[in-house]
Protein backbone atom coordinates (compact mmCIF):
# COMPACT_ATOMS: atom_id res chain seq x y z
CA UNK A 1 7.31 -20.34 -18.47
CA UNK A 2 4.13 -19.42 -20.28
CA UNK A 3 4.03 -15.92 -18.78
CA UNK A 4 7.52 -14.94 -19.93
CA UNK A 5 7.84 -12.35 -22.68
CA UNK A 6 11.01 -10.86 -24.10
CA UNK A 7 12.33 -8.41 -26.66
CA UNK A 8 12.01 -4.64 -26.87
CA UNK A 9 8.72 -4.30 -28.73
CA UNK A 10 6.84 -7.21 -27.09
CA UNK A 11 7.63 -5.93 -23.60
CA UNK A 12 6.81 -2.32 -24.44
CA UNK A 13 3.55 -3.33 -26.13
CA UNK A 14 2.57 -5.52 -23.18
CA UNK A 15 3.03 -2.63 -20.76
CA UNK A 16 1.24 -0.13 -23.00
CA UNK A 17 -1.63 -2.58 -23.52
CA UNK A 18 -2.19 -2.70 -19.77
CA UNK A 19 -1.23 -6.35 -19.28
CA UNK A 20 -0.50 -7.24 -15.64
CA UNK A 21 3.29 -7.22 -15.80
CA UNK A 22 4.84 -8.75 -12.67
CA UNK A 23 8.34 -7.36 -13.19
CA UNK A 24 10.87 -6.43 -15.86
CA UNK A 25 14.49 -7.55 -16.06
CA UNK A 26 16.85 -5.23 -17.95
CA UNK A 27 20.36 -6.00 -19.13
CA UNK A 28 23.13 -4.41 -17.13
CA UNK A 29 25.24 -1.98 -19.14
CA UNK A 30 22.68 -1.21 -21.85
CA UNK A 31 22.25 2.51 -22.48
CA UNK A 32 20.38 4.75 -24.88
CA UNK A 33 16.74 5.17 -25.84
CA UNK A 34 15.78 1.59 -24.93
CA UNK A 35 16.92 2.05 -21.35
CA UNK A 36 15.14 5.41 -21.07
CA UNK A 37 11.91 3.98 -22.48
CA UNK A 38 11.90 0.93 -20.22
CA UNK A 39 12.70 2.96 -17.11
CA UNK A 40 10.00 5.50 -17.97
CA UNK A 41 7.33 2.86 -18.64
CA UNK A 42 8.05 0.76 -15.57
CA UNK A 43 8.00 3.82 -13.33
CA UNK A 44 4.80 5.18 -14.88
CA UNK A 45 3.01 1.84 -14.45
CA UNK A 46 4.47 0.96 -11.03
CA UNK A 47 6.25 -2.13 -12.36
CA UNK A 48 9.34 -3.39 -10.52
CA UNK A 49 12.49 -3.07 -12.66
CA UNK A 50 15.58 -5.15 -11.96
CA UNK A 51 18.92 -4.63 -13.70
CA UNK A 52 20.71 -7.96 -14.17
CA UNK A 53 23.76 -9.38 -15.97
CA UNK A 54 23.21 -10.59 -19.53
CA UNK A 55 24.03 -14.14 -18.39
CA UNK A 56 20.83 -14.26 -16.36
CA UNK A 57 18.74 -13.20 -19.34
CA UNK A 58 20.49 -15.78 -21.53
CA UNK A 59 19.53 -18.51 -19.07
CA UNK A 60 15.89 -17.45 -19.18
CA UNK A 61 15.57 -16.98 -22.94
CA UNK A 62 17.02 -18.90 -25.86
CA UNK A 63 15.96 -16.35 -28.47
CA UNK A 64 16.99 -12.73 -29.00
CA UNK A 65 15.84 -10.99 -25.82
CA UNK A 66 17.39 -7.62 -26.82
CA UNK A 67 18.29 -7.01 -23.21
CA UNK A 68 14.77 -6.96 -21.78
CA UNK A 69 12.61 -9.72 -20.31
CA UNK A 70 9.31 -9.49 -18.45
CA UNK A 71 6.87 -11.70 -16.63
CA UNK A 72 3.16 -11.14 -16.87
CA UNK A 73 1.10 -11.95 -13.80
CA UNK A 74 -1.92 -14.25 -13.95
CA UNK A 75 -4.07 -11.55 -12.38
CA UNK A 76 -4.47 -7.83 -12.87
CA UNK A 77 -3.29 -5.57 -10.08
CA UNK A 78 -5.72 -2.94 -8.81
CA UNK A 79 -5.10 0.52 -7.40
CA UNK A 80 -5.68 0.68 -3.65
CA UNK A 81 -6.60 4.35 -3.92
CA UNK A 82 -9.50 3.29 -6.15
CA UNK A 83 -10.47 0.19 -4.18
CA UNK A 84 -10.86 1.81 -0.75
CA UNK A 85 -13.31 4.56 -1.82
CA UNK A 86 -15.39 1.95 -3.67
CA UNK A 87 -15.69 -0.12 -0.48
CA UNK A 88 -16.84 2.91 1.50
CA UNK A 89 -19.31 3.95 -1.21
CA UNK A 90 -21.02 0.57 -0.86
CA UNK A 91 -21.44 1.24 2.85
CA UNK A 92 -19.11 -1.59 3.86
CA UNK A 93 -16.49 -1.57 6.61
CA UNK A 94 -13.08 -2.10 4.96
CA UNK A 95 -11.02 -5.15 5.83
CA UNK A 96 -7.63 -5.34 4.12
CA UNK A 97 -4.60 -7.59 4.44
CA UNK A 98 -1.17 -5.99 4.03
CA UNK A 99 1.54 -8.57 3.24
CA UNK A 100 5.07 -7.29 3.71
CA UNK A 101 8.04 -9.46 2.81
CA UNK A 102 6.04 -12.64 2.28
CA UNK A 103 7.95 -14.35 -0.53
CA UNK A 104 6.78 -17.96 -0.20
CA UNK A 105 4.21 -18.57 -2.93
CA UNK A 106 2.46 -21.27 -0.91
CA UNK A 107 1.90 -18.94 2.03
CA UNK A 108 0.87 -16.15 -0.33
CA UNK A 109 -1.62 -18.38 -2.10
CA UNK A 110 -3.01 -19.80 1.14
CA UNK A 111 -3.52 -16.30 2.56
CA UNK A 112 -5.39 -15.24 -0.58
CA UNK A 113 -7.56 -18.34 -0.28
CA UNK A 114 -8.52 -17.53 3.32
CA UNK A 115 -9.03 -13.87 2.41
CA UNK A 116 -11.44 -14.71 -0.39
CA UNK A 117 -13.39 -17.19 1.76
CA UNK A 118 -13.75 -14.62 4.55
CA UNK A 119 -14.73 -11.70 2.34
CA UNK A 120 -11.57 -9.63 2.75
CA UNK A 121 -11.86 -6.64 0.44
CA UNK A 122 -8.29 -6.63 -0.86
CA UNK A 123 -4.82 -8.08 -0.37
CA UNK A 124 -2.01 -5.53 -0.63
CA UNK A 125 1.59 -6.40 -1.53
CA UNK A 126 4.70 -4.27 -2.16
CA UNK A 127 6.34 -3.93 -5.56
CA UNK A 128 9.46 -5.76 -4.46
CA UNK A 129 10.12 -8.49 -1.94
CA UNK A 130 6.83 -10.27 -2.47
CA UNK A 131 5.82 -13.65 -3.82
CA UNK A 132 4.84 -13.55 -7.51
CA UNK A 133 1.26 -14.03 -8.60
CA UNK A 134 2.22 -17.02 -10.72
CA UNK A 135 0.96 -20.53 -11.43
CA UNK A 136 2.25 -21.89 -8.11
CA UNK A 137 0.54 -19.14 -6.13
CA UNK A 138 -2.67 -19.69 -8.08
CA UNK A 139 -2.55 -23.41 -7.29
CA UNK A 140 -1.86 -22.76 -3.59
CA UNK A 141 -4.83 -20.40 -3.48
CA UNK A 142 -7.12 -23.01 -5.10
CA UNK A 143 -8.01 -20.36 -7.68
CA UNK A 144 -8.87 -17.65 -5.14
CA UNK A 145 -6.06 -15.49 -6.51
CA UNK A 146 -8.16 -14.96 -9.62
CA UNK A 147 -11.05 -13.61 -7.52
CA UNK A 148 -9.53 -11.55 -4.71
CA UNK A 149 -8.63 -7.91 -5.32
CA UNK A 150 -4.84 -7.73 -5.42
CA UNK A 151 -3.23 -4.30 -5.01
CA UNK A 152 0.47 -3.59 -5.50
CA UNK A 153 2.07 -0.55 -3.87
CA UNK A 154 5.47 1.12 -4.16
CA UNK A 155 6.03 1.48 -0.42
CA UNK A 156 4.33 -0.30 2.46
CA UNK A 157 5.38 2.56 4.76
CA UNK A 158 3.63 5.16 2.61
CA UNK A 159 0.62 2.87 2.29
CA UNK A 160 0.30 2.53 6.06
CA UNK A 161 0.41 6.32 6.40
CA UNK A 162 -2.17 6.80 3.63
CA UNK A 163 -4.54 4.27 5.17
CA UNK A 164 -4.27 5.93 8.57
CA UNK A 165 -4.99 9.31 6.97
CA UNK A 166 -8.04 7.65 5.38
CA UNK A 167 -9.29 6.61 8.85
CA UNK A 168 -8.32 2.96 8.45
CA UNK A 169 -6.56 1.54 11.50
CA UNK A 170 -3.48 -0.58 10.79
CA UNK A 171 -2.98 -3.55 13.13
CA UNK A 172 0.38 -5.33 13.00
CA UNK A 173 0.62 -8.98 13.96
CA UNK A 174 3.84 -9.44 15.90
CA UNK A 175 5.38 -10.34 19.22
CA UNK A 176 6.55 -7.07 20.77
CA UNK A 177 6.53 -5.15 24.03
CA UNK A 178 3.31 -3.36 23.10
CA UNK A 179 1.45 -6.31 21.59
CA UNK A 180 -1.74 -7.57 23.16
CA UNK A 181 -3.90 -10.64 22.57
CA UNK A 182 -5.69 -10.37 19.27
CA UNK A 183 -9.05 -10.88 20.99
CA UNK A 184 -8.50 -7.60 22.88
CA UNK A 185 -7.98 -5.49 19.74
CA UNK A 186 -11.04 -3.65 18.44
CA UNK A 187 -11.62 -4.66 14.82
CA UNK A 188 -15.12 -3.26 14.42
CA UNK A 189 -13.94 -0.20 12.46
CA UNK A 190 -12.12 0.03 9.11
CA UNK A 191 -9.05 -2.16 9.49
CA UNK A 192 -5.92 -3.24 7.65
CA UNK A 193 -4.08 -6.23 9.15
CA UNK A 194 -0.33 -6.15 8.57
CA UNK A 195 1.49 -9.48 8.32
CA UNK A 196 5.19 -10.16 7.85
CA UNK A 197 7.37 -13.14 6.96
CA UNK A 198 8.07 -16.01 9.31
CA UNK A 199 11.39 -15.82 11.09
CA UNK A 200 12.44 -12.18 10.80
CA UNK A 201 8.88 -10.88 11.05
CA UNK A 202 7.75 -7.34 10.32
CA UNK A 203 10.20 -4.47 10.08
CA UNK A 204 10.42 -2.66 13.44
CA UNK A 205 9.46 0.63 11.80
CA UNK A 206 6.20 -0.85 10.48
CA UNK A 207 5.39 -2.15 13.95
CA UNK A 208 6.03 1.29 15.45
CA UNK A 209 3.86 2.95 12.79
CA UNK A 210 0.90 0.64 13.43
CA UNK A 211 -2.08 1.75 15.48
CA UNK A 212 -2.06 -1.51 17.42
CA UNK A 213 0.04 -4.66 17.64
CA UNK A 214 -1.73 -7.98 18.10
CA UNK A 215 -0.40 -11.39 19.03
CA UNK A 216 -2.14 -14.73 18.74
CA UNK A 217 -2.06 -16.58 22.09
CA UNK A 218 -0.60 -20.10 22.08
CA UNK A 219 -1.08 -23.05 24.40
CA UNK A 220 2.65 -23.87 24.32
CA UNK A 221 5.91 -22.09 23.60
CA UNK A 222 6.49 -24.05 20.38
CA UNK A 223 7.69 -21.61 17.71
CA UNK A 224 4.74 -19.62 16.30
CA UNK A 225 1.87 -20.01 13.86
CA UNK A 226 2.55 -20.27 10.15
CA UNK A 227 1.83 -16.85 8.59
CA UNK A 228 -1.03 -18.16 6.47
CA UNK A 229 -2.62 -19.76 9.54
CA UNK A 230 -2.11 -16.53 11.49
CA UNK A 231 -3.81 -14.60 8.70
CA UNK A 232 -6.82 -16.91 8.85
CA UNK A 233 -7.11 -16.60 12.63
CA UNK A 234 -6.85 -12.80 12.47
CA UNK A 235 -9.43 -12.46 9.70
CA UNK A 236 -11.97 -14.64 11.47
CA UNK A 237 -11.49 -12.70 14.71
CA UNK A 238 -12.47 -9.59 12.74
CA UNK A 239 -15.59 -11.35 11.45
CA UNK A 240 -16.47 -12.56 14.96
CA UNK A 241 -16.25 -9.07 16.41
CA UNK A 242 -18.25 -7.58 13.56
CA UNK A 243 -20.93 -10.23 13.85
CA UNK A 244 -20.54 -11.10 10.19
CA UNK A 245 -22.78 -13.96 9.05
CA UNK A 246 -21.18 -16.29 6.53
CA UNK A 247 -22.82 -18.85 4.29
CA UNK A 248 -22.20 -22.58 4.27
CA UNK A 249 -20.73 -22.78 0.76
């Protein structure tokens, strides 16, 4: 892979240079200053660190990896705590997408594509348990991944709390006892739409934490909408309620 880097100094230099590092793999059992340095850097820069057996590193790299391998993302991650104030300073009403547990790169890319087309201000993903911003995701997004603001956070739970404290309502999309049709949810104020993976859906705690839970009505009882399709429907319902005028590009 073209975005794979390995070796002590190359990985450390990449992190210190501010390159968008997707994650770091570190060899299980290694101790000493190298381990301390890698753990310190990944924590300081909010980079996921995974400890793995040496066999996994050997499969990834033919050369001398020195016990550390990293992937650089195709896009730079932004800080949500910087992005939100900038939106408000421009006098715009925030619209964010929070993606929790969405690991399929095609869904991830398709969501980013819809988000960019609809003018979503940022897509937020967790450090772990999320699809990588790699070549496949870029292709699925038709290049939108290079344009949309992508924020990575340590904890989706803490992010939901922070957004609510910042007067941004969090609306979960799920089928639950307290869900109501998406057309009945008020999206005219600052909003973050929370989407989970197909099948297991959002974690129950995230649903409970949300300010509202929306469901997308269906004509039949056949399964449910693909998550990327659901994201598109939800985003355009927000635009409809806000009376947003879009171009014909």
